[in-house]
Amino acid sequence: MDHLIDYLRREYNLPTDAALAERMEVSPPVISKLRNGHMNLSPSIILRIHDTFGISIANIKRIAYGV
């Protein structure tokens, strides 16, 4: 999941994982768990990324999984 998190931070000029969490309106531990593989990319997180950044669901999956 590092690819997705790093992509979002880079593309939207978010300096930290905490800033990404704030922008997505999730708690910082959610981002940490995603980054460290302790949490899967759930449909609710995919939708939150889509709603927050306007990225298509297909592109979110492509970035996250290389699909």
N, C-alpha and C. Protein backbone atom coordinates (compact mmCIF):
# COMPACT_ATOMS: atom_id res chain seq x y z
N MET A 1 0.80 -1.20 0.00
CA MET A 1 0.00 0.00 0.00
C MET A 1 0.85 1.26 0.00
N ASP A 2 2.16 1.08 0.19
CA ASP A 2 3.05 2.24 0.18
C ASP A 2 2.92 3.05 -1.10
N HIS A 3 2.75 2.35 -2.24
CA HIS A 3 2.67 3.05 -3.52
C HIS A 3 1.50 4.04 -3.52
N LEU A 4 0.36 3.60 -3.05
CA LEU A 4 -0.82 4.46 -3.03
C LEU A 4 -0.65 5.63 -2.07
N ILE A 5 -0.18 5.36 -0.88
CA ILE A 5 0.00 6.42 0.11
C ILE A 5 1.03 7.43 -0.37
N ASP A 6 2.14 6.92 -0.89
CA ASP A 6 3.18 7.83 -1.39
C ASP A 6 2.67 8.64 -2.58
N TYR A 7 1.90 8.01 -3.46
CA TYR A 7 1.32 8.71 -4.61
C TYR A 7 0.42 9.85 -4.13
N LEU A 8 -0.47 9.57 -3.20
CA LEU A 8 -1.40 10.59 -2.72
C LEU A 8 -0.65 11.75 -2.07
N ARG A 9 0.34 11.42 -1.26
CA ARG A 9 1.12 12.47 -0.60
C ARG A 9 1.86 13.33 -1.61
N ARG A 10 2.47 12.69 -2.60
CA ARG A 10 3.24 13.42 -3.61
C ARG A 10 2.33 14.28 -4.50
N GLU A 11 1.27 13.68 -5.01
CA GLU A 11 0.38 14.37 -5.95
C GLU A 11 -0.39 15.52 -5.31
N TYR A 12 -0.66 15.42 -4.02
CA TYR A 12 -1.48 16.43 -3.36
C TYR A 12 -0.68 17.24 -2.34
N ASN A 13 0.66 17.16 -2.46
CA ASN A 13 1.56 17.97 -1.64
C ASN A 13 1.27 17.86 -0.14
N LEU A 14 1.12 16.64 0.31
CA LEU A 14 0.87 16.39 1.73
C LEU A 14 2.17 15.92 2.36
N PRO A 15 2.74 16.70 3.28
CA PRO A 15 4.09 16.43 3.76
C PRO A 15 4.22 15.20 4.66
N THR A 16 3.12 14.77 5.28
CA THR A 16 3.20 13.66 6.23
C THR A 16 2.00 12.74 6.08
N ASP A 17 2.13 11.55 6.62
CA ASP A 17 0.98 10.64 6.66
C ASP A 17 -0.15 11.24 7.48
N ALA A 18 0.20 11.99 8.53
CA ALA A 18 -0.83 12.64 9.36
C ALA A 18 -1.61 13.67 8.55
N ALA A 19 -0.93 14.39 7.66
CA ALA A 19 -1.61 15.36 6.80
C ALA A 19 -2.56 14.65 5.84
N LEU A 20 -2.14 13.51 5.32
CA LEU A 20 -3.01 12.71 4.46
C LEU A 20 -4.23 12.24 5.23
N ALA A 21 -4.03 11.77 6.44
CA ALA A 21 -5.14 11.31 7.27
C ALA A 21 -6.13 12.45 7.52
N GLU A 22 -5.60 13.62 7.82
CA GLU A 22 -6.47 14.78 8.06
C GLU A 22 -7.27 15.12 6.82
N ARG A 23 -6.62 15.13 5.66
CA ARG A 23 -7.31 15.46 4.40
C ARG A 23 -8.41 14.45 4.09
N MET A 24 -8.14 13.16 4.40
CA MET A 24 -9.13 12.12 4.14
C MET A 24 -10.16 11.98 5.25
N GLU A 25 -9.95 12.70 6.33
CA GLU A 25 -10.83 12.65 7.50
C GLU A 25 -10.89 11.24 8.10
N VAL A 26 -9.69 10.66 8.26
CA VAL A 26 -9.54 9.39 8.97
C VAL A 26 -8.48 9.61 10.04
N SER A 27 -8.40 8.70 10.99
CA SER A 27 -7.38 8.84 12.03
C SER A 27 -6.02 8.44 11.48
N PRO A 28 -4.95 9.05 11.99
CA PRO A 28 -3.61 8.70 11.53
C PRO A 28 -3.29 7.20 11.62
N PRO A 29 -3.79 6.48 12.64
CA PRO A 29 -3.50 5.04 12.66
C PRO A 29 -4.04 4.28 11.45
N VAL A 30 -5.09 4.77 10.83
CA VAL A 30 -5.61 4.11 9.63
C VAL A 30 -4.56 4.14 8.53
N ILE A 31 -3.94 5.30 8.32
CA ILE A 31 -2.90 5.42 7.29
C ILE A 31 -1.71 4.56 7.66
N SER A 32 -1.33 4.57 8.92
CA SER A 32 -0.20 3.75 9.38
C SER A 32 -0.47 2.26 9.14
N LYS A 33 -1.66 1.81 9.46
CA LYS A 33 -2.01 0.40 9.26
C LYS A 33 -2.01 0.04 7.78
N LEU A 34 -2.50 0.92 6.94
CA LEU A 34 -2.46 0.68 5.50
C LEU A 34 -1.02 0.60 5.01
N ARG A 35 -0.20 1.54 5.44
CA ARG A 35 1.19 1.59 5.00
C ARG A 35 1.95 0.34 5.43
N ASN A 36 1.69 -0.14 6.62
CA ASN A 36 2.44 -1.27 7.16
C ASN A 36 1.81 -2.63 6.87
N GLY A 37 0.73 -2.65 6.09
CA GLY A 37 0.11 -3.91 5.72
C GLY A 37 -0.72 -4.56 6.81
N HIS A 38 -1.08 -3.80 7.84
CA HIS A 38 -1.89 -4.33 8.93
C HIS A 38 -3.39 -4.13 8.68
N MET A 39 -3.70 -3.50 7.55
CA MET A 39 -5.10 -3.25 7.18
C MET A 39 -5.18 -3.30 5.66
N ASN A 40 -6.19 -3.98 5.16
CA ASN A 40 -6.41 -4.05 3.72
C ASN A 40 -7.09 -2.78 3.23
N LEU A 41 -6.96 -2.54 1.94
CA LEU A 41 -7.63 -1.41 1.32
C LEU A 41 -9.10 -1.78 1.16
N SER A 42 -9.92 -1.33 2.09
CA SER A 42 -11.33 -1.71 2.12
C SER A 42 -12.14 -0.87 1.14
N PRO A 43 -13.33 -1.34 0.78
CA PRO A 43 -14.20 -0.53 -0.08
C PRO A 43 -14.46 0.86 0.49
N SER A 44 -14.60 0.96 1.81
CA SER A 44 -14.87 2.29 2.39
C SER A 44 -13.68 3.22 2.25
N ILE A 45 -12.46 2.70 2.35
CA ILE A 45 -11.27 3.53 2.16
C ILE A 45 -11.13 3.91 0.69
N ILE A 46 -11.39 2.97 -0.21
CA ILE A 46 -11.34 3.28 -1.65
C ILE A 46 -12.32 4.40 -1.97
N LEU A 47 -13.53 4.31 -1.44
CA LEU A 47 -14.53 5.36 -1.70
C LEU A 47 -14.11 6.69 -1.09
N ARG A 48 -13.50 6.63 0.07
CA ARG A 48 -13.05 7.88 0.72
C ARG A 48 -11.96 8.55 -0.13
N ILE A 49 -11.04 7.75 -0.67
CA ILE A 49 -10.00 8.31 -1.55
C ILE A 49 -10.65 8.91 -2.79
N HIS A 50 -11.59 8.17 -3.37
CA HIS A 50 -12.31 8.66 -4.55
C HIS A 50 -13.02 9.97 -4.25
N ASP A 51 -13.74 10.03 -3.16
CA ASP A 51 -14.50 11.23 -2.80
C ASP A 51 -13.58 12.41 -2.45
N THR A 52 -12.47 12.12 -1.79
CA THR A 52 -11.57 13.18 -1.35
C THR A 52 -10.75 13.76 -2.49
N PHE A 53 -10.24 12.88 -3.36
CA PHE A 53 -9.29 13.33 -4.37
C PHE A 53 -9.83 13.26 -5.80
N GLY A 54 -10.99 12.66 -5.98
CA GLY A 54 -11.58 12.58 -7.32
C GLY A 54 -10.88 11.59 -8.24
N ILE A 55 -10.17 10.63 -7.66
CA ILE A 55 -9.49 9.61 -8.45
C ILE A 55 -10.47 8.48 -8.71
N SER A 56 -10.50 7.98 -9.93
CA SER A 56 -11.42 6.89 -10.24
C SER A 56 -11.04 5.64 -9.45
N ILE A 57 -12.02 4.83 -9.18
CA ILE A 57 -11.78 3.59 -8.44
C ILE A 57 -10.80 2.71 -9.19
N ALA A 58 -10.93 2.65 -10.51
CA ALA A 58 -9.99 1.85 -11.31
C ALA A 58 -8.55 2.34 -11.14
N ASN A 59 -8.36 3.65 -11.11
CA ASN A 59 -7.01 4.19 -10.93
C ASN A 59 -6.50 3.95 -9.52
N ILE A 60 -7.35 4.02 -8.54
CA ILE A 60 -6.93 3.73 -7.16
C ILE A 60 -6.40 2.30 -7.10
N LYS A 61 -7.14 1.36 -7.67
CA LYS A 61 -6.70 -0.04 -7.67
C LYS A 61 -5.41 -0.22 -8.46
N ARG A 62 -5.29 0.48 -9.59
CA ARG A 62 -4.08 0.38 -10.40
C ARG A 62 -2.87 0.87 -9.63
N ILE A 63 -3.01 1.99 -8.95
CA ILE A 63 -1.91 2.56 -8.18
C ILE A 63 -1.55 1.64 -7.00
N ALA A 64 -2.57 1.15 -6.31
CA ALA A 64 -2.35 0.34 -5.12
C ALA A 64 -1.82 -1.05 -5.43
N TYR A 65 -2.37 -1.68 -6.48
CA TYR A 65 -2.07 -3.07 -6.74
C TYR A 65 -1.34 -3.32 -8.06
N GLY A 66 -1.14 -2.27 -8.83
CA GLY A 66 -0.51 -2.45 -10.13
C GLY A 66 -1.38 -3.19 -11.12
N VAL A 67 -2.71 -3.10 -10.92
CA VAL A 67 -3.66 -3.81 -11.79
C VAL A 67 -3.94 -2.99 -13.03
